[in-house]
Protein backbone atom coordinates (compact mmCIF):
# COMPACT_ATOMS: atom_id res chain seq x y z
CA UNK A 1 -176.12 91.26 5.55
CA UNK A 2 -175.92 87.07 4.59
CA UNK A 3 -179.25 85.60 3.03
CA UNK A 4 -180.20 82.57 4.94
CA UNK A 5 -181.95 80.47 2.28
CA UNK A 6 -182.81 81.35 -1.77
CA UNK A 7 -185.82 81.90 -1.05
CA UNK A 8 -188.29 83.11 1.97
CA UNK A 9 -191.77 81.99 1.42
CA UNK A 10 -194.42 81.24 -1.84
CA UNK A 11 -197.76 81.34 -1.30
CA UNK A 12 -200.43 79.37 -3.11
CA UNK A 13 -203.99 80.75 -4.51
CA UNK A 14 -206.31 77.50 -4.93
CA UNK A 15 -209.82 76.97 -6.17
CA UNK A 16 -210.70 74.72 -3.26
CA UNK A 17 -208.72 73.91 -0.18
CA UNK A 18 -211.03 70.92 0.49
CA UNK A 19 -208.81 69.19 -2.38
CA UNK A 20 -205.95 71.00 -2.57
CA UNK A 21 -204.35 70.96 1.05
CA UNK A 22 -204.51 67.45 1.21
CA UNK A 23 -203.31 67.65 -1.92
CA UNK A 24 -200.23 69.50 -1.00
CA UNK A 25 -199.54 67.68 1.99
CA UNK A 26 -198.58 64.46 0.33
CA UNK A 27 -196.57 66.80 -1.97
CA UNK A 28 -194.82 68.52 0.76
CA UNK A 29 -194.29 66.53 3.31
CA UNK A 30 -192.74 63.59 0.97
CA UNK A 31 -189.93 65.86 0.01
CA UNK A 32 -189.42 67.11 3.83
CA UNK A 33 -191.58 70.20 4.90
CA UNK A 34 -193.48 69.91 7.85
CA UNK A 35 -196.72 71.20 8.37
CA UNK A 36 -197.19 74.81 10.59
CA UNK A 37 -199.77 74.80 13.41
CA UNK A 38 -200.66 78.59 13.28
CA UNK A 39 -203.00 79.94 15.97
CA UNK A 40 -205.75 81.41 13.08
CA UNK A 41 -209.39 80.25 12.37
CA UNK A 42 -208.54 79.78 8.84
CA UNK A 43 -205.60 77.30 9.87
CA UNK A 44 -207.76 75.48 11.90
CA UNK A 45 -210.58 72.67 12.42
CA UNK A 46 -211.51 69.67 10.15
CA UNK A 47 -212.07 71.60 7.33
CA UNK A 48 -209.14 74.66 6.89
CA UNK A 49 -209.09 76.95 4.55
CA UNK A 50 -205.63 77.93 4.54
CA UNK A 51 -202.31 75.62 5.62
CA UNK A 52 -198.80 76.00 5.63
CA UNK A 53 -195.52 73.98 5.30
CA UNK A 54 -192.20 74.91 6.19
CA UNK A 55 -188.43 73.45 5.38
CA UNK A 56 -185.51 74.32 7.02
CA UNK A 57 -182.49 75.68 4.76
CA UNK A 58 -178.85 73.73 5.87
CA UNK A 59 -177.61 76.51 7.44
CA UNK A 60 -180.15 78.66 8.44
CA UNK A 61 -183.38 79.97 7.45
CA UNK A 62 -186.44 78.39 6.13
CA UNK A 63 -188.49 78.07 2.81
CA UNK A 64 -192.32 78.61 3.49
CA UNK A 65 -195.09 77.75 1.41
CA UNK A 66 -198.90 78.39 2.28
CA UNK A 67 -201.86 77.30 0.20
CA UNK A 68 -204.68 79.91 0.60
CA UNK A 69 -208.12 80.01 -1.21
CA UNK A 70 -208.53 82.31 -4.50
CA UNK A 71 -210.84 85.22 -4.30
CA UNK A 72 -212.10 87.59 -6.86
CA UNK A 73 -213.74 87.04 -10.28
CA UNK A 74 -211.00 84.65 -11.38
CA UNK A 75 -210.79 82.52 -8.83
CA UNK A 76 -212.11 79.79 -10.68
CA UNK A 77 -210.13 80.49 -13.64
CA UNK A 78 -207.98 77.11 -15.09
CA UNK A 79 -204.18 78.17 -14.48
CA UNK A 80 -202.15 78.61 -17.76
CA UNK A 81 -198.64 77.65 -17.73
CA UNK A 82 -197.57 79.23 -20.91
CA UNK A 83 -199.17 82.65 -19.33
CA UNK A 84 -196.80 85.21 -17.91
CA UNK A 85 -196.15 83.92 -14.55
CA UNK A 86 -194.27 80.80 -13.06
CA UNK A 87 -194.52 77.60 -15.59
CA UNK A 88 -193.70 74.92 -13.35
CA UNK A 89 -192.42 74.10 -9.59
CA UNK A 90 -189.79 71.70 -8.86
CA UNK A 91 -188.98 70.14 -5.31
CA UNK A 92 -185.55 68.35 -5.04
CA UNK A 93 -186.21 64.74 -3.68
CA UNK A 94 -183.36 62.90 -1.60
CA UNK A 95 -183.12 59.98 -3.76
CA UNK A 96 -185.42 58.27 -6.36
CA UNK A 97 -187.35 56.32 -3.88
CA UNK A 98 -188.54 59.30 -2.68
CA UNK A 99 -189.96 60.34 -5.65
CA UNK A 100 -191.56 57.04 -6.10
CA UNK A 101 -193.23 57.52 -2.53
CA UNK A 102 -194.41 61.22 -3.63
CA UNK A 103 -195.91 59.98 -6.83
CA UNK A 104 -197.80 56.81 -5.19
CA UNK A 105 -199.45 59.16 -2.16
CA UNK A 106 -200.58 62.05 -5.22
CA UNK A 107 -201.74 58.82 -7.15
CA UNK A 108 -203.89 57.67 -4.79
CA UNK A 109 -205.20 61.53 -3.75
CA UNK A 110 -206.31 60.99 -7.16
CA UNK A 111 -203.40 63.78 -8.25
CA UNK A 112 -203.05 63.93 -12.30
CA UNK A 113 -199.77 62.74 -13.00
CA UNK A 114 -198.55 64.20 -16.54
CA UNK A 115 -195.50 61.76 -16.80
CA UNK A 116 -194.91 59.21 -14.16
CA UNK A 117 -191.45 58.72 -12.81
CA UNK A 118 -188.78 58.67 -15.28
CA UNK A 119 -184.97 58.70 -15.55
CA UNK A 120 -184.02 61.84 -18.22
CA UNK A 121 -180.36 60.88 -18.62
CA UNK A 122 -179.20 61.71 -21.65
CA UNK A 123 -182.39 64.00 -22.64
CA UNK A 124 -181.30 67.75 -23.96
CA UNK A 125 -181.42 69.71 -20.73
CA UNK A 126 -180.86 67.06 -18.12
CA UNK A 127 -178.16 65.85 -16.31
CA UNK A 128 -177.27 62.83 -15.86
CA UNK A 129 -179.41 60.36 -13.50
CA UNK A 130 -182.06 63.14 -13.69
CA UNK A 131 -185.33 61.35 -12.07
CA UNK A 132 -188.47 62.78 -11.83
CA UNK A 133 -192.13 62.76 -11.82
CA UNK A 134 -194.45 65.45 -13.28
CA UNK A 135 -197.84 66.29 -12.54
CA UNK A 136 -200.58 69.09 -11.96
CA UNK A 137 -202.53 70.12 -8.84
CA UNK A 138 -206.03 70.46 -8.46
CA UNK A 139 -206.23 73.93 -10.22
CA UNK A 140 -203.81 72.54 -13.24
CA UNK A 141 -200.52 74.07 -11.91
CA UNK A 142 -197.47 71.78 -12.64
CA UNK A 143 -195.66 70.23 -10.26
CA UNK A 144 -192.17 68.46 -10.48
CA UNK A 145 -190.60 66.00 -7.86
CA UNK A 146 -186.62 65.40 -8.62
CA UNK A 147 -183.84 63.57 -7.75
CA UNK A 148 -180.58 64.68 -9.46
CA UNK A 149 -177.57 63.11 -8.80
CA UNK A 150 -175.48 66.18 -9.26
CA UNK A 151 -177.72 68.73 -7.10
CA UNK A 152 -178.32 65.77 -4.28
CA UNK A 153 -175.40 63.79 -4.61
């Protein structure tokens, strides 16, 4: 059975949907995702508690990313990218301009920019022309938007 994309979806638990939904809208829509309307109360209204974005894979399939409120006693615990679990998520951008545009949108929303857009060519672990911005979401999750000519010729 053939796969339709390497990943189906990612659900992100957030401490405050009012902060995180606009942040992820700027990030995800800036790299080509589209907000999916969902006919459930948590996804609707002026202050939705959940939101979902989709990105089609070439050749079929979709990658979905959902933002949902955290629950339980750890819901307000700061994210630790050095604890077991994901260190950061990186999103492809189609151009350097797209990286710069996402940076501007995230910065305008008050997002925490960890490293402004820069060319990482010649640095250990990076390909020639690797251009990226790194920032933290409202809960401290490290995110990257990258244009890599090796992956995005």
